[in-house]
């Protein structure tokens, strides 16, 4: 039996679906994270909580590494610990140092803000990041990358080797869940309450509300559409982010005439069911954005950028259109193109649903399972 431990942060419950499949394959599963315990208890999955500060803090980070090590030392049998989250892919190799029964696997699911900024400060931080990655790689048994850009960067920078790494695109999406239709009464209620124009193309953006996700570009493009006399529907869903890069409610309200901001929602699938085009004008170094996969599974066309991860989901001209980074005018022009050609839009929506099958949870889990088996024999 393979003993798998997933290590993650405040969204580690995203590993519950893959855990259930692995349990059916005969694995023992434990999860460590900074999320509350309730959801894991409800799914009968063993869970241990620790404290994790998402921002940089030497004291808090050292405390987290010590806490992870204490948890790992409680395991007497051989375990394969698989870390997600940018910080934890560094913390785990350090915390597991010298623990002979611990095999270390990590998923690099994007390189985030660090590789999205061009300032001197971030250049220094990138230098430090590369230095730390070189230090910890000796204690990493295998690295999984979610996109080829990140894989190539690590290999070319000698932060990993080809023999100890692979690309598995995304953490997997439960296609059965999204291929199930939303009932007509729910859709009708959402259409009546949230769309301004009947029988008009509906665009939607679901994201953390930070500038690097292109939120302001989306708002500005919606305004340009309205000022040009184009009456499309625009929905924006996401929680206000308190960090310095967050888009404030005051900024969003400046565009309330053009965009319907709905705040944070849990029933994302239902809102995707009333939209036609998903927009993610990101200039943030993504892994593979899960929300793009969800939108594709719900048969939405895609408007997104050439950023790593985004370009793995989008096939330009097939399931959507590529947009320029940080370019509201180009986004406005692409919105017009896609909305004014309904036959092309219809084909793109069909192609999105076909393409997303490459990112299915069953497929991703099988690929991970093979890696776990390979590592257990080392």
Foldseek 3Di string as FASTA:
>chain_A
DAEEEEEEEQVQCVCLVLVVVVVVVVYQYEYEYQHDDVVCVVSVHHYHHDDDDLDDDPVRLVRRLCVVLVVVVVDPAAHEYEYEDPSVLLSVLVSCPPVVSYAYEYECFWDWPLVLDDDPVSVVVVVVVLVSLCVSQVSHQAYEAQFVVVVCVCCVSVSYHPVRYDYQNDLADALVVLLDDDDPVLLVVCCVPAWDDPPAAEEEEEDAQFVQQVPVLLLVLLVVCVVVVHRYAYEYEHAFDDDPRTDDPVNVVVSVVRYPYDYHDDPVSSVLLNHAEYEGAHSIGGRADVVLLSSLSSLHAYEYEPHTNPVLLDDDLQQYHHAYHPDSVRVNVRVCVLRVDVVSSNRNSVRSNVSSVSRHNVVSSVVVVVVSVVSVVD
